Amino acid sequence: ARVDTVPADVADPAGLATALAPVVAARPAVVV
């Protein structure tokens, strides 16, 4: 499998948004 990892804390919305910005930009079709 092709796998990337991103450490981030969902209880910190601002930090979460920063950490996930490149992933959001990749436009994934499935989010769990």
Full PDB file with SEQRES, HELIX, SHEET, SSBOND, CRYST1, ORIGX, SCALE, CONECT and MASTER records, all heavy atoms in Angstrom:
SEQRES   1 A   32  ALA ARG VAL ASP THR VAL PRO ALA ASP VAL ALA ASP PRO          
SEQRES   2 A   32  ALA GLY LEU ALA THR ALA LEU ALA PRO VAL VAL ALA ALA          
SEQRES   3 A   32  ARG PRO ALA VAL VAL VAL                                      
HELIX    1 AA1 PRO A   13  ALA A   25  1                                  13    
CRYST1    1.000    1.000    1.000  90.00  90.00  90.00 P 1           1          
ORIGX1      1.000000  0.000000  0.000000        0.00000                         
ORIGX2      0.000000  1.000000  0.000000        0.00000                         
ORIGX3      0.000000  0.000000  1.000000        0.00000                         
SCALE1      1.000000  0.000000  0.000000        0.00000                         
SCALE2      0.000000  1.000000  0.000000        0.00000                         
SCALE3      0.000000  0.000000  1.000000        0.00000                         
ATOM      1  N   ALA A   1       0.826  -1.204   0.000  1.00  0.00           N  
ATOM      2  CA  ALA A   1       0.000   0.000   0.000  1.00  0.00           C  
ATOM      3  C   ALA A   1       0.864   1.260   0.000  1.00  0.00           C  
ATOM      4  O   ALA A   1       1.981   1.276   0.527  1.00  0.00           O  
ATOM      5  CB  ALA A   1      -0.919   0.009   1.217  1.00  0.00           C  
ATOM      6  N   ARG A   2       0.307   2.312  -0.586  1.00  0.00           N  
ATOM      7  CA  ARG A   2       0.930   3.637  -0.538  1.00  0.00           C  
ATOM      8  C   ARG A   2       0.394   4.363   0.694  1.00  0.00           C  
ATOM      9  O   ARG A   2      -0.811   4.550   0.816  1.00  0.00           O  
ATOM     10  CB  ARG A   2       0.597   4.434  -1.800  1.00  0.00           C  
ATOM     11  CG  ARG A   2       1.170   3.835  -3.091  1.00  0.00           C  
ATOM     12  CD  ARG A   2       0.465   4.425  -4.302  1.00  0.00           C  
ATOM     13  NE  ARG A   2      -0.929   4.001  -4.389  1.00  0.00           N  
ATOM     14  CZ  ARG A   2      -1.871   4.665  -5.053  1.00  0.00           C  
ATOM     15  NH1 ARG A   2      -1.590   5.805  -5.656  1.00  0.00           N  
ATOM     16  NH2 ARG A   2      -3.115   4.195  -5.092  1.00  0.00           N  
ATOM     17  N   VAL A   3       1.284   4.764   1.588  1.00  0.00           N  
ATOM     18  CA  VAL A   3       0.860   5.294   2.881  1.00  0.00           C  
ATOM     19  C   VAL A   3       1.659   6.539   3.240  1.00  0.00           C  
ATOM     20  O   VAL A   3       2.884   6.548   3.149  1.00  0.00           O  
ATOM     21  CB  VAL A   3       1.042   4.248   4.001  1.00  0.00           C  
ATOM     22  CG1 VAL A   3       0.528   4.794   5.336  1.00  0.00           C  
ATOM     23  CG2 VAL A   3       0.331   2.949   3.658  1.00  0.00           C  
ATOM     24  N   ASP A   4       0.935   7.586   3.647  1.00  0.00           N  
ATOM     25  CA  ASP A   4       1.535   8.756   4.274  1.00  0.00           C  
ATOM     26  C   ASP A   4       1.009   8.864   5.698  1.00  0.00           C  
ATOM     27  O   ASP A   4      -0.094   8.370   5.996  1.00  0.00           O  
ATOM     28  CB  ASP A   4       1.190  10.038   3.510  1.00  0.00           C  
ATOM     29  CG  ASP A   4       1.882  10.111   2.160  1.00  0.00           C  
ATOM     30  OD1 ASP A   4       3.063   9.718   2.088  1.00  0.00           O  
ATOM     31  OD2 ASP A   4       1.239  10.550   1.191  1.00  0.00           O  
ATOM     32  N   THR A   5       1.750   9.515   6.571  1.00  0.00           N  
ATOM     33  CA  THR A   5       1.313   9.707   7.953  1.00  0.00           C  
ATOM     34  C   THR A   5       1.379  11.188   8.313  1.00  0.00           C  
ATOM     35  O   THR A   5       2.266  11.910   7.851  1.00  0.00           O  
ATOM     36  CB  THR A   5       2.179   8.901   8.937  1.00  0.00           C  
ATOM     37  OG1 THR A   5       3.532   9.338   8.854  1.00  0.00           O  
ATOM     38  CG2 THR A   5       2.102   7.409   8.641  1.00  0.00           C  
ATOM     39  N   VAL A   6       0.429  11.604   9.155  1.00  0.00           N  
ATOM     40  CA  VAL A   6       0.375  12.998   9.617  1.00  0.00           C  
ATOM     41  C   VAL A   6       0.052  12.995  11.106  1.00  0.00           C  
ATOM     42  O   VAL A   6      -1.080  12.662  11.493  1.00  0.00           O  
ATOM     43  CB  VAL A   6      -0.695  13.814   8.864  1.00  0.00           C  
ATOM     44  CG1 VAL A   6      -0.711  15.253   9.395  1.00  0.00           C  
ATOM     45  CG2 VAL A   6      -0.456  13.801   7.365  1.00  0.00           C  
ATOM     46  N   PRO A   7       1.000  13.343  11.970  1.00  0.00           N  
ATOM     47  CA  PRO A   7       0.661  13.512  13.387  1.00  0.00           C  
ATOM     48  C   PRO A   7      -0.148  14.796  13.569  1.00  0.00           C  
ATOM     49  O   PRO A   7       0.272  15.873  13.129  1.00  0.00           O  
ATOM     50  CB  PRO A   7       2.030  13.616  14.072  1.00  0.00           C  
ATOM     51  CG  PRO A   7       3.028  13.152  13.054  1.00  0.00           C  
ATOM     52  CD  PRO A   7       2.443  13.485  11.723  1.00  0.00           C  
ATOM     53  N   ALA A   8      -1.304  14.702  14.195  1.00  0.00           N  
ATOM     54  CA  ALA A   8      -2.154  15.865  14.435  1.00  0.00           C  
ATOM     55  C   ALA A   8      -3.174  15.515  15.500  1.00  0.00           C  
ATOM     56  O   ALA A   8      -3.569  14.354  15.647  1.00  0.00           O  
ATOM     57  CB  ALA A   8      -2.858  16.299  13.145  1.00  0.00           C  
ATOM     58  N   ASP A   9      -3.627  16.541  16.224  1.00  0.00           N  
ATOM     59  CA  ASP A   9      -4.549  16.367  17.336  1.00  0.00           C  
ATOM     60  C   ASP A   9      -5.894  16.986  16.966  1.00  0.00           C  
ATOM     61  O   ASP A   9      -5.985  18.195  16.724  1.00  0.00           O  
ATOM     62  CB  ASP A   9      -3.975  17.042  18.579  1.00  0.00           C  
ATOM     63  CG  ASP A   9      -4.802  16.816  19.831  1.00  0.00           C  
ATOM     64  OD1 ASP A   9      -5.894  16.230  19.733  1.00  0.00           O  
ATOM     65  OD2 ASP A   9      -4.343  17.222  20.919  1.00  0.00           O  
ATOM     66  N   VAL A  10      -6.954  16.174  16.924  1.00  0.00           N  
ATOM     67  CA  VAL A  10      -8.270  16.699  16.542  1.00  0.00           C  
ATOM     68  C   VAL A  10      -8.814  17.689  17.564  1.00  0.00           C  
ATOM     69  O   VAL A  10      -9.716  18.473  17.245  1.00  0.00           O  
ATOM     70  CB  VAL A  10      -9.303  15.573  16.323  1.00  0.00           C  
ATOM     71  CG1 VAL A  10      -8.896  14.684  15.169  1.00  0.00           C  
ATOM     72  CG2 VAL A  10      -9.530  14.770  17.600  1.00  0.00           C  
ATOM     73  N   ALA A  11      -8.287  17.673  18.787  1.00  0.00           N  
ATOM     74  CA  ALA A  11      -8.742  18.616  19.801  1.00  0.00           C  
ATOM     75  C   ALA A  11      -8.120  19.999  19.625  1.00  0.00           C  
ATOM     76  O   ALA A  11      -8.459  20.924  20.367  1.00  0.00           O  
ATOM     77  CB  ALA A  11      -8.429  18.076  21.194  1.00  0.00           C  
ATOM     78  N   ASP A  12      -7.257  20.150  18.652  1.00  0.00           N  
ATOM     79  CA  ASP A  12      -6.611  21.436  18.338  1.00  0.00           C  
ATOM     80  C   ASP A  12      -6.974  21.804  16.900  1.00  0.00           C  
ATOM     81  O   ASP A  12      -6.216  21.514  15.971  1.00  0.00           O  
ATOM     82  CB  ASP A  12      -5.090  21.307  18.509  1.00  0.00           C  
ATOM     83  CG  ASP A  12      -4.334  22.545  18.063  1.00  0.00           C  
ATOM     84  OD1 ASP A  12      -4.959  23.609  17.868  1.00  0.00           O  
ATOM     85  OD2 ASP A  12      -3.095  22.441  17.877  1.00  0.00           O  
ATOM     86  N   PRO A  13      -8.144  22.419  16.663  1.00  0.00           N  
ATOM     87  CA  PRO A  13      -8.603  22.665  15.292  1.00  0.00           C  
ATOM     88  C   PRO A  13      -7.625  23.468  14.438  1.00  0.00           C  
ATOM     89  O   PRO A  13      -7.448  23.165  13.252  1.00  0.00           O  
ATOM     90  CB  PRO A  13      -9.920  23.415  15.492  1.00  0.00           C  
ATOM     91  CG  PRO A  13     -10.395  22.996  16.848  1.00  0.00           C  
ATOM     92  CD  PRO A  13      -9.143  22.809  17.660  1.00  0.00           C  
ATOM     93  N   ALA A  14      -6.975  24.468  15.029  1.00  0.00           N  
ATOM     94  CA  ALA A  14      -6.042  25.280  14.245  1.00  0.00           C  
ATOM     95  C   ALA A  14      -4.829  24.456  13.838  1.00  0.00           C  
ATOM     96  O   ALA A  14      -4.398  24.488  12.673  1.00  0.00           O  
ATOM     97  CB  ALA A  14      -5.611  26.506  15.048  1.00  0.00           C  
ATOM     98  N   GLY A  15      -4.269  23.713  14.777  1.00  0.00           N  
ATOM     99  CA  GLY A  15      -3.128  22.861  14.461  1.00  0.00           C  
ATOM    100  C   GLY A  15      -3.497  21.762  13.495  1.00  0.00           C  
ATOM    101  O   GLY A  15      -2.711  21.399  12.609  1.00  0.00           O  
ATOM    102  N   LEU A  16      -4.708  21.233  13.634  1.00  0.00           N  
ATOM    103  CA  LEU A  16      -5.188  20.192  12.732  1.00  0.00           C  
ATOM    104  C   LEU A  16      -5.273  20.721  11.305  1.00  0.00           C  
ATOM    105  O   LEU A  16      -4.837  20.063  10.352  1.00  0.00           O  
ATOM    106  CB  LEU A  16      -6.557  19.706  13.198  1.00  0.00           C  
ATOM    107  CG  LEU A  16      -7.195  18.561  12.410  1.00  0.00           C  
ATOM    108  CD1 LEU A  16      -6.476  17.256  12.699  1.00  0.00           C  
ATOM    109  CD2 LEU A  16      -8.677  18.441  12.770  1.00  0.00           C  
ATOM    110  N   ALA A  17      -5.832  21.917  11.150  1.00  0.00           N  
ATOM    111  CA  ALA A  17      -5.976  22.502   9.810  1.00  0.00           C  
ATOM    112  C   ALA A  17      -4.616  22.732   9.161  1.00  0.00           C  
ATOM    113  O   ALA A  17      -4.433  22.471   7.966  1.00  0.00           O  
ATOM    114  CB  ALA A  17      -6.751  23.806   9.900  1.00  0.00           C  
ATOM    115  N   THR A  18      -3.652  23.181   9.945  1.00  0.00           N  
ATOM    116  CA  THR A  18      -2.309  23.408   9.405  1.00  0.00           C  
ATOM    117  C   THR A  18      -1.658  22.095   8.984  1.00  0.00           C  
ATOM    118  O   THR A  18      -1.097  21.978   7.895  1.00  0.00           O  
ATOM    119  CB  THR A  18      -1.433  24.114  10.450  1.00  0.00           C  
ATOM    120  OG1 THR A  18      -2.009  25.392  10.769  1.00  0.00           O  
ATOM    121  CG2 THR A  18      -0.017  24.315   9.932  1.00  0.00           C  
ATOM    122  N   ALA A  19      -1.749  21.097   9.859  1.00  0.00           N  
ATOM    123  CA  ALA A  19      -1.108  19.811   9.571  1.00  0.00           C  
ATOM    124  C   ALA A  19      -1.730  19.121   8.361  1.00  0.00           C  
ATOM    125  O   ALA A  19      -1.024  18.462   7.572  1.00  0.00           O  
ATOM    126  CB  ALA A  19      -1.201  18.899  10.794  1.00  0.00           C  
ATOM    127  N   LEU A  20      -3.044  19.289   8.188  1.00  0.00           N  
ATOM    128  CA  LEU A  20      -3.740  18.572   7.126  1.00  0.00           C  
ATOM    129  C   LEU A  20      -3.888  19.378   5.836  1.00  0.00           C  
ATOM    130  O   LEU A  20      -4.446  18.858   4.860  1.00  0.00           O  
ATOM    131  CB  LEU A  20      -5.128  18.145   7.615  1.00  0.00           C  
ATOM    132  CG  LEU A  20      -5.160  17.058   8.683  1.00  0.00           C  
ATOM    133  CD1 LEU A  20      -6.593  16.740   9.079  1.00  0.00           C  
ATOM    134  CD2 LEU A  20      -4.455  15.787   8.208  1.00  0.00           C  
ATOM    135  N   ALA A  21      -3.386  20.600   5.814  1.00  0.00           N  
ATOM    136  CA  ALA A  21      -3.559  21.438   4.624  1.00  0.00           C  
ATOM    137  C   ALA A  21      -3.095  20.753   3.335  1.00  0.00           C  
ATOM    138  O   ALA A  21      -3.816  20.776   2.322  1.00  0.00           O  
ATOM    139  CB  ALA A  21      -2.847  22.778   4.811  1.00  0.00           C  
ATOM    140  N   PRO A  22      -1.916  20.111   3.302  1.00  0.00           N  
ATOM    141  CA  PRO A  22      -1.510  19.433   2.060  1.00  0.00           C  
ATOM    142  C   PRO A  22      -2.421  18.260   1.699  1.00  0.00           C  
ATOM    143  O   PRO A  22      -2.610  17.961   0.519  1.00  0.00           O  
ATOM    144  CB  PRO A  22      -0.084  18.947   2.365  1.00  0.00           C  
ATOM    145  CG  PRO A  22       0.370  19.745   3.533  1.00  0.00           C  
ATOM    146  CD  PRO A  22      -0.864  20.036   4.328  1.00  0.00           C  
ATOM    147  N   VAL A  23      -2.986  17.599   2.704  1.00  0.00           N  
ATOM    148  CA  VAL A  23      -3.878  16.471   2.450  1.00  0.00           C  
ATOM    149  C   VAL A  23      -5.211  16.973   1.899  1.00  0.00           C  
ATOM    150  O   VAL A  23      -5.769  16.399   0.957  1.00  0.00           O  
ATOM    151  CB  VAL A  23      -4.103  15.654   3.742  1.00  0.00           C  
ATOM    152  CG1 VAL A  23      -4.892  14.397   3.450  1.00  0.00           C  
ATOM    153  CG2 VAL A  23      -2.774  15.317   4.409  1.00  0.00           C  
ATOM    154  N   VAL A  24      -5.712  18.061   2.459  1.00  0.00           N  
ATOM    155  CA  VAL A  24      -6.946  18.666   1.947  1.00  0.00           C  
ATOM    156  C   VAL A  24      -6.757  19.070   0.484  1.00  0.00           C  
ATOM    157  O   VAL A  24      -7.637  18.847  -0.360  1.00  0.00           O  
ATOM    158  CB  VAL A  24      -7.348  19.875   2.806  1.00  0.00           C  
ATOM    159  CG1 VAL A  24      -8.517  20.631   2.184  1.00  0.00           C  
ATOM    160  CG2 VAL A  24      -7.698  19.436   4.230  1.00  0.00           C  
ATOM    161  N   ALA A  25      -5.590  19.641   0.188  1.00  0.00           N  
ATOM    162  CA  ALA A  25      -5.307  20.077  -1.183  1.00  0.00           C  
ATOM    163  C   ALA A  25      -5.258  18.912  -2.161  1.00  0.00           C  
ATOM    164  O   ALA A  25      -5.500  19.093  -3.363  1.00  0.00           O  
ATOM    165  CB  ALA A  25      -3.987  20.844  -1.218  1.00  0.00           C  
ATOM    166  N   ALA A  26      -4.982  17.698  -1.662  1.00  0.00           N  
ATOM    167  CA  ALA A  26      -4.945  16.513  -2.524  1.00  0.00           C  
ATOM    168  C   ALA A  26      -6.339  16.012  -2.884  1.00  0.00           C  
ATOM    169  O   ALA A  26      -6.471  15.108  -3.709  1.00  0.00           O  
ATOM    170  CB  ALA A  26      -4.139  15.400  -1.844  1.00  0.00           C  
ATOM    171  N   ARG A  27      -7.380  16.529  -2.241  1.00  0.00           N  
ATOM    172  CA  ARG A  27      -8.778  16.257  -2.563  1.00  0.00           C  
ATOM    173  C   ARG A  27      -9.132  14.760  -2.484  1.00  0.00           C  
ATOM    174  O   ARG A  27      -9.596  14.159  -3.460  1.00  0.00           O  
ATOM    175  CB  ARG A  27      -9.128  16.827  -3.943  1.00  0.00           C  
ATOM    176  CG  ARG A  27      -8.891  18.324  -4.050  1.00  0.00           C  
ATOM    177  CD  ARG A  27      -9.072  18.838  -5.468  1.00  0.00           C  
ATOM    178  NE  ARG A  27     -10.446  18.716  -5.921  1.00  0.00           N  
ATOM    179  CZ  ARG A  27     -11.406  19.611  -5.697  1.00  0.00           C  
ATOM    180  NH1 ARG A  27     -11.140  20.705  -5.001  1.00  0.00           N  
ATOM    181  NH2 ARG A  27     -12.625  19.427  -6.168  1.00  0.00           N  
ATOM    182  N   PRO A  28      -8.928  14.145  -1.328  1.00  0.00           N  
ATOM    183  CA  PRO A  28      -9.273  12.722  -1.193  1.00  0.00           C  
ATOM    184  C   PRO A  28     -10.783  12.512  -1.281  1.00  0.00           C  
ATOM    185  O   PRO A  28     -11.574  13.347  -0.839  1.00  0.00           O  
ATOM    186  CB  PRO A  28      -8.758  12.365   0.206  1.00  0.00           C  
ATOM    187  CG  PRO A  28      -8.763  13.665   0.949  1.00  0.00           C  
ATOM    188  CD  PRO A  28      -8.403  14.703  -0.066  1.00  0.00           C  
ATOM    189  N   ALA A  29     -11.175  11.373  -1.828  1.00  0.00           N  
ATOM    190  CA  ALA A  29     -12.598  11.071  -2.014  1.00  0.00           C  
ATOM    191  C   ALA A  29     -13.227  10.442  -0.782  1.00  0.00           C  
ATOM    192  O   ALA A  29     -14.452  10.435  -0.650  1.00  0.00           O  
ATOM    193  CB  ALA A  29     -12.783  10.139  -3.205  1.00  0.00           C  
ATOM    194  N   VAL A  30     -12.407   9.897   0.110  1.00  0.00           N  
ATOM    195  CA  VAL A  30     -12.918   9.204   1.295  1.00  0.00           C  
ATOM    196  C   VAL A  30     -12.206   9.734   2.528  1.00  0.00           C  
ATOM    197  O   VAL A  30     -10.971   9.792   2.560  1.00  0.00           O  
ATOM    198  CB  VAL A  30     -12.711   7.678   1.201  1.00  0.00           C  
ATOM    199  CG1 VAL A  30     -13.241   6.989   2.450  1.00  0.00           C  
ATOM    200  CG2 VAL A  30     -13.375   7.108  -0.047  1.00  0.00           C  
ATOM    201  N   VAL A  31     -12.981  10.109   3.533  1.00  0.00           N  
ATOM    202  CA  VAL A  31     -12.427  10.519   4.825  1.00  0.00           C  
ATOM    203  C   VAL A  31     -13.185   9.772   5.913  1.00  0.00           C  
ATOM    204  O   VAL A  31     -14.421   9.766   5.928  1.00  0.00           O  
ATOM    205  CB  VAL A  31     -12.542  12.039   5.043  1.00  0.00           C  
ATOM    206  CG1 VAL A  31     -12.043  12.418   6.440  1.00  0.00           C  
ATOM    207  CG2 VAL A  31     -11.762  12.801   3.977  1.00  0.00           C  
ATOM    208  N   VAL A  32     -12.436   9.136   6.802  1.00  0.00           N  
ATOM    209  CA  VAL A  32     -13.025   8.405   7.926  1.00  0.00           C  
ATOM    210  C   VAL A  32     -12.532   9.040   9.215  1.00  0.00           C  
ATOM    211  O   VAL A  32     -11.322   9.180   9.427  1.00  0.00           O  
ATOM    212  CB  VAL A  32     -12.635   6.917   7.897  1.00  0.00           C  
ATOM    213  CG1 VAL A  32     -13.249   6.186   9.092  1.00  0.00           C  
ATOM    214  CG2 VAL A  32     -13.068   6.260   6.593  1.00  0.00           C  
TER     215      VAL A  32                                                      
MASTER        0    0    0    1    0    0    0    6  214    1    0    3          
END                                                                             
